[in-house]
Protein backbone atom coordinates (compact mmCIF):
# COMPACT_ATOMS: atom_id res chain seq x y z
CA MET A 1 73.47 120.05 284.93
CA ALA A 2 69.88 120.92 285.68
CA ARG A 3 67.29 118.16 285.60
CA PHE A 4 63.55 118.08 286.14
CA ILE A 5 63.31 116.29 289.46
CA THR A 6 61.55 116.33 292.76
CA PRO A 7 63.44 115.41 295.94
CA GLY A 8 64.71 111.87 295.54
CA SER A 9 63.31 111.33 292.06
CA MET A 10 66.66 111.24 290.29
CA GLY A 11 67.56 108.22 292.37
CA ALA A 12 64.32 106.60 291.24
CA VAL A 13 65.02 107.42 287.59
CA SER A 14 68.53 106.02 287.96
CA ARG A 15 67.02 102.90 289.46
CA LEU A 16 64.99 102.54 286.27
CA ASP A 17 67.60 103.11 283.60
CA GLY A 18 71.06 103.32 285.11
CA ALA A 19 71.48 100.33 287.39
CA PRO A 20 73.88 97.53 286.48
CA GLY A 21 72.24 95.08 284.12
CA GLY A 22 69.92 97.66 282.56
CA LYS A 23 69.54 97.84 278.81
CA ARG A 24 71.34 101.14 278.46
CA GLY A 25 74.63 99.81 279.82
CA ALA A 26 77.92 101.67 280.06
CA PRO A 27 78.48 104.39 277.45
CA ALA A 28 80.96 103.65 274.70
CA LEU A 29 83.77 105.97 273.69
CA ASP A 30 81.90 109.03 272.41
CA THR A 31 83.17 110.67 269.23
CA ASP A 32 79.79 111.95 267.99
CA THR A 33 78.83 115.57 267.67
CA ASP A 34 76.20 117.04 269.98
CA SER A 35 73.63 116.96 267.17
CA THR A 36 74.33 113.30 266.38
CA ARG A 37 74.13 112.37 270.07
CA GLU A 38 70.75 114.07 270.35
CA ILE A 39 69.41 112.24 267.30
CA LYS A 40 70.57 108.90 268.72
CA THR A 41 69.12 109.72 272.13
CA HIS A 42 65.73 110.62 270.68
CA PHE A 43 65.75 107.47 268.54
CA ARG A 44 66.42 105.26 271.58
CA VAL A 45 63.81 107.02 273.71
CA CYS A 46 61.14 106.79 271.01
CA ARG A 47 61.93 103.09 270.65
CA PHE A 48 61.42 102.90 274.42
CA ILE A 49 58.03 104.65 274.06
CA MET A 50 56.93 102.23 271.37
CA GLU A 51 58.00 99.07 273.16
CA THR A 52 56.53 100.30 276.43
CA GLY A 53 53.30 101.19 274.63
CA VAL A 54 53.01 97.65 273.25
CA LYS A 55 53.51 96.17 276.71
CA LEU A 56 50.87 98.52 278.12
CA GLY A 57 48.42 97.48 275.39
CA MET A 58 48.27 100.95 273.85
CA ARG A 59 46.77 101.41 270.41
CA SER A 60 48.94 102.75 267.60
CA VAL A 61 47.50 106.29 267.64
CA PRO A 62 48.12 106.90 271.40
CA VAL A 63 51.70 105.64 270.93
CA ALA A 64 52.11 108.03 267.99
CA THR A 65 50.72 110.87 270.12
CA ALA A 66 53.24 110.09 272.87
CA CYS A 67 56.10 110.28 270.34
CA VAL A 68 54.83 113.59 268.91
CA LEU A 69 54.49 115.04 272.41
CA TYR A 70 58.06 113.97 273.14
CA HIS A 71 59.46 115.48 269.91
CA ARG A 72 57.53 118.73 270.25
CA PHE A 73 58.70 119.12 273.83
CA PHE A 74 62.35 118.73 272.86
CA GLN A 75 61.89 121.16 269.97
CA CYS A 76 61.41 123.76 272.69
CA VAL A 77 64.03 122.67 275.24
CA SER A 78 67.42 120.96 275.32
CA VAL A 79 67.78 117.25 275.99
CA THR A 80 70.68 118.13 278.32
CA VAL A 81 68.31 119.95 280.67
CA TYR A 82 65.55 117.37 281.14
CA GLU A 83 65.75 113.63 281.72
CA PRO A 84 64.46 112.20 278.39
CA TYR A 85 63.15 108.91 279.81
CA LEU A 86 61.18 110.74 282.49
CA VAL A 87 59.71 113.02 279.80
CA ALA A 88 58.88 109.93 277.74
CA MET A 89 57.02 108.34 280.65
CA SER A 90 55.03 111.54 281.15
CA CYS A 91 54.24 111.69 277.42
CA ILE A 92 52.91 108.12 277.55
CA TYR A 93 50.74 109.05 280.52
CA LEU A 94 49.48 112.24 278.83
CA ALA A 95 48.89 110.54 275.46
CA GLY A 96 46.63 108.01 277.18
CA LYS A 97 44.46 110.88 278.40
CA VAL A 98 44.46 112.73 275.08
CA GLU A 99 43.47 109.63 273.08
CA GLU A 100 40.97 108.30 275.63
CA GLN A 101 43.04 105.28 276.63
CA HIS A 102 43.76 106.08 280.24
CA LEU A 103 46.71 104.36 281.91
CA ARG A 104 47.58 104.09 285.58
CA THR A 105 50.87 105.69 286.58
CA ARG A 106 51.75 102.56 288.55
CA ASP A 107 51.41 100.43 285.41
CA ILE A 108 53.57 102.84 283.41
CA ILE A 109 56.28 102.90 286.06
CA ASN A 110 56.34 99.12 286.49
CA VAL A 111 56.43 98.44 282.75
CA CYS A 112 59.23 100.99 282.31
CA HIS A 113 61.14 99.38 285.17
CA ARG A 114 60.70 95.95 283.58
CA TYR A 115 61.91 97.37 280.24
CA PHE A 116 65.32 98.07 281.77
CA HIS A 117 65.37 95.16 284.24
CA SER A 118 63.55 92.26 282.62
CA SER A 119 64.14 89.79 285.45
CA SER A 120 63.25 92.08 288.37
CA GLU A 121 60.11 92.22 290.46
CA PRO A 122 57.69 95.18 290.26
CA LEU A 123 58.77 98.20 292.26
CA ASN A 124 57.64 98.37 295.85
CA CYS A 125 55.41 101.27 296.86
CA ASP A 126 58.21 102.87 298.84
CA GLY A 127 59.65 106.37 298.89
CA GLU A 128 61.46 105.99 295.58
CA PHE A 129 58.30 104.83 293.82
CA TRP A 130 56.27 107.79 295.07
CA ASP A 131 59.07 110.22 294.18
CA LEU A 132 59.09 108.86 290.64
CA ARG A 133 55.30 108.95 290.41
CA ASP A 134 55.29 112.59 291.54
CA SER A 135 57.97 113.38 288.96
CA VAL A 136 55.94 111.79 286.16
CA VAL A 137 52.84 113.78 287.11
CA GLN A 138 54.73 117.05 287.53
CA CYS A 139 56.59 116.50 284.26
CA GLU A 140 53.23 115.99 282.56
CA LEU A 141 52.24 119.49 283.69
CA LEU A 142 55.56 120.82 282.41
CA VAL A 143 54.93 119.25 278.97
CA LEU A 144 51.44 120.76 278.89
CA ARG A 145 52.73 124.23 279.75
CA GLN A 146 55.64 124.00 277.32
CA LEU A 147 53.28 123.05 274.47
CA ASN A 148 50.70 125.67 275.53
CA PHE A 149 48.21 122.84 276.08
CA HIS A 150 48.17 122.08 272.31
CA VAL A 151 48.33 118.31 272.67
CA SER A 152 45.77 117.06 270.16
CA PHE A 153 47.29 116.12 266.81
CA GLN A 154 46.28 114.78 263.44
CA HIS A 155 48.20 111.64 262.51
CA PRO A 156 48.87 110.07 259.09
CA HIS A 157 47.07 106.85 260.03
CA LYS A 158 43.60 107.75 258.74
CA TYR A 159 45.06 109.24 255.56
CA LEU A 160 47.21 106.17 254.98
CA LEU A 161 44.23 103.84 255.35
CA HIS A 162 42.36 105.85 252.71
CA TYR A 163 45.35 105.94 250.33
CA LEU A 164 45.98 102.21 250.69
CA LEU A 165 42.40 101.39 249.78
CA SER A 166 42.53 103.79 246.82
CA VAL A 167 45.84 102.51 245.45
CA LYS A 168 44.83 98.88 245.96
CA SER A 169 41.84 99.46 243.67
CA LEU A 170 44.13 100.84 240.95
CA VAL A 171 46.95 98.31 240.78
CA ASN A 172 47.02 94.77 239.45
CA ARG A 173 45.44 92.58 242.13
CA HIS A 174 47.99 89.79 241.62
CA ALA A 175 50.91 92.21 242.06
CA TRP A 176 49.25 93.56 245.22
CA SER A 177 48.63 90.11 246.73
CA ARG A 178 52.21 88.98 246.05
CA THR A 179 53.84 91.90 247.84
CA PRO A 180 53.39 93.09 251.45
CA VAL A 181 52.90 96.73 250.43
CA ALA A 182 50.39 97.49 253.19
CA GLU A 183 52.46 95.89 255.96
CA THR A 184 55.63 97.64 254.78
CA THR A 185 53.86 101.00 254.59
CA TRP A 186 52.59 100.72 258.16
CA ALA A 187 56.08 99.73 259.33
CA LEU A 188 57.60 102.75 257.56
CA LEU A 189 55.00 105.01 259.14
CA ARG A 190 55.88 103.66 262.57
CA ASP A 191 59.55 104.34 261.86
CA CYS A 192 58.77 107.98 261.07
CA TYR A 193 58.01 108.54 264.74
CA HIS A 194 61.57 107.73 265.79
CA GLY A 195 62.69 111.06 264.37
CA THR A 196 61.29 114.53 263.81
CA MET A 197 59.72 113.82 260.42
CA CYS A 198 56.41 113.30 262.23
CA VAL A 199 56.43 116.93 263.41
CA ARG A 200 58.05 118.55 260.35
CA HIS A 201 55.59 117.43 257.66
CA ALA A 202 51.83 117.36 257.20
CA PRO A 203 50.27 114.00 258.13
CA GLN A 204 48.79 113.41 254.68
CA HIS A 205 52.20 114.01 253.09
CA ILE A 206 53.86 111.50 255.41
CA ALA A 207 51.19 108.94 254.53
CA ILE A 208 51.76 109.48 250.80
CA ALA A 209 55.56 109.34 251.15
CA THR A 210 55.58 106.06 253.08
CA LEU A 211 53.18 104.44 250.62
CA TYR A 212 55.27 105.72 247.71
CA LEU A 213 58.43 104.21 249.20
CA ALA A 214 56.73 100.85 249.80
CA LEU A 215 55.43 100.73 246.22
CA LEU A 216 58.87 101.68 244.92
CA SER A 217 60.55 99.02 247.07
CA TYR A 218 58.46 96.22 245.55
CA GLY A 219 58.26 97.63 242.05
CA VAL A 220 54.48 97.90 242.11
CA GLU A 221 53.33 100.34 239.43
CA VAL A 222 50.24 102.49 239.76
CA PRO A 223 48.52 103.40 236.47
CA VAL A 224 48.95 107.08 235.61
CA GLY A 225 45.86 109.10 234.74
CA GLU A 226 45.58 112.83 234.27
CA ARG A 227 47.47 113.24 237.54
CA GLU A 228 49.75 111.05 239.64
CA TRP A 229 47.98 109.20 242.48
CA TRP A 230 49.88 111.19 245.08
CA GLN A 231 48.79 114.49 243.52
CA VAL A 232 45.19 113.37 243.93
CA GLY A 233 46.08 113.01 247.62
CA GLY A 234 46.77 116.75 247.81
CA MET A 235 50.55 116.97 247.48
CA SER A 236 52.03 119.48 245.07
CA GLN A 237 54.59 118.37 242.50
CA HIS A 238 57.42 120.41 244.05
CA ARG A 239 56.73 119.24 247.59
CA SER A 240 56.38 115.65 246.45
CA ARG A 241 59.83 115.72 244.83
CA VAL A 242 61.41 117.14 248.00
CA LEU A 243 59.75 114.71 250.41
CA PHE A 244 60.12 111.63 248.18
CA ARG A 245 63.82 112.38 247.75
CA GLN A 246 64.25 112.76 251.52
CA VAL A 247 62.48 109.48 252.27
CA HIS A 248 64.25 107.61 249.47
CA ASP A 249 67.77 108.89 250.31
CA ASN A 250 67.64 109.08 254.10
CA GLY A 251 64.85 106.78 255.20
CA PRO A 252 61.97 107.95 257.40
CA PHE A 253 64.16 109.79 259.93
């Protein structure tokens, strides 16, 4: 099986995620289809990106950019060909550049190592470390080429902030203060980045759908005017029905 590696880097990657005591552990009896396995793999790796981003002090938008880079890359190639955790590390590194929150490769590698081996010391600057660093940098170039250097994205965050403020002004203030609609909406938005919803739908539509689901969950009603609040946000009636049904039935994945 082909993998994106430089000489010795696969040993370094294995040292990160495959050593005894790591979080990934031994694989269980596998009865899933290839498609289901890929979905589960991407979910785990995006969770890894998010947790690593928190430990690196990344803001929410750079973390979202790293997840989108990861998903768009694997829309073009197979997860069986490239090491997903190595791609994820490169996406974190690249997202820091794109969103003007630069990160040192050494910090990324050490935090990723600690993610899998919580009680271990930081990696020594030996041959394995430099092999892994070279792999991260070279994989970053591979991601850039695969995406034709289109690595700047619009995210739902700014739309969601606007919609939250607008809806808050429309609903009963006591109903709003009693329910964590805003917190739940942001959590649902974060969950959208575990799967490919973040690259399959327009950012403003994702923002509307997550807010809709949060309002529905707590039974908060928005007064209806000439148009529904989500139609004011720019979503057509047909598209709203499709996306709302998907979010309601299947969750944000």
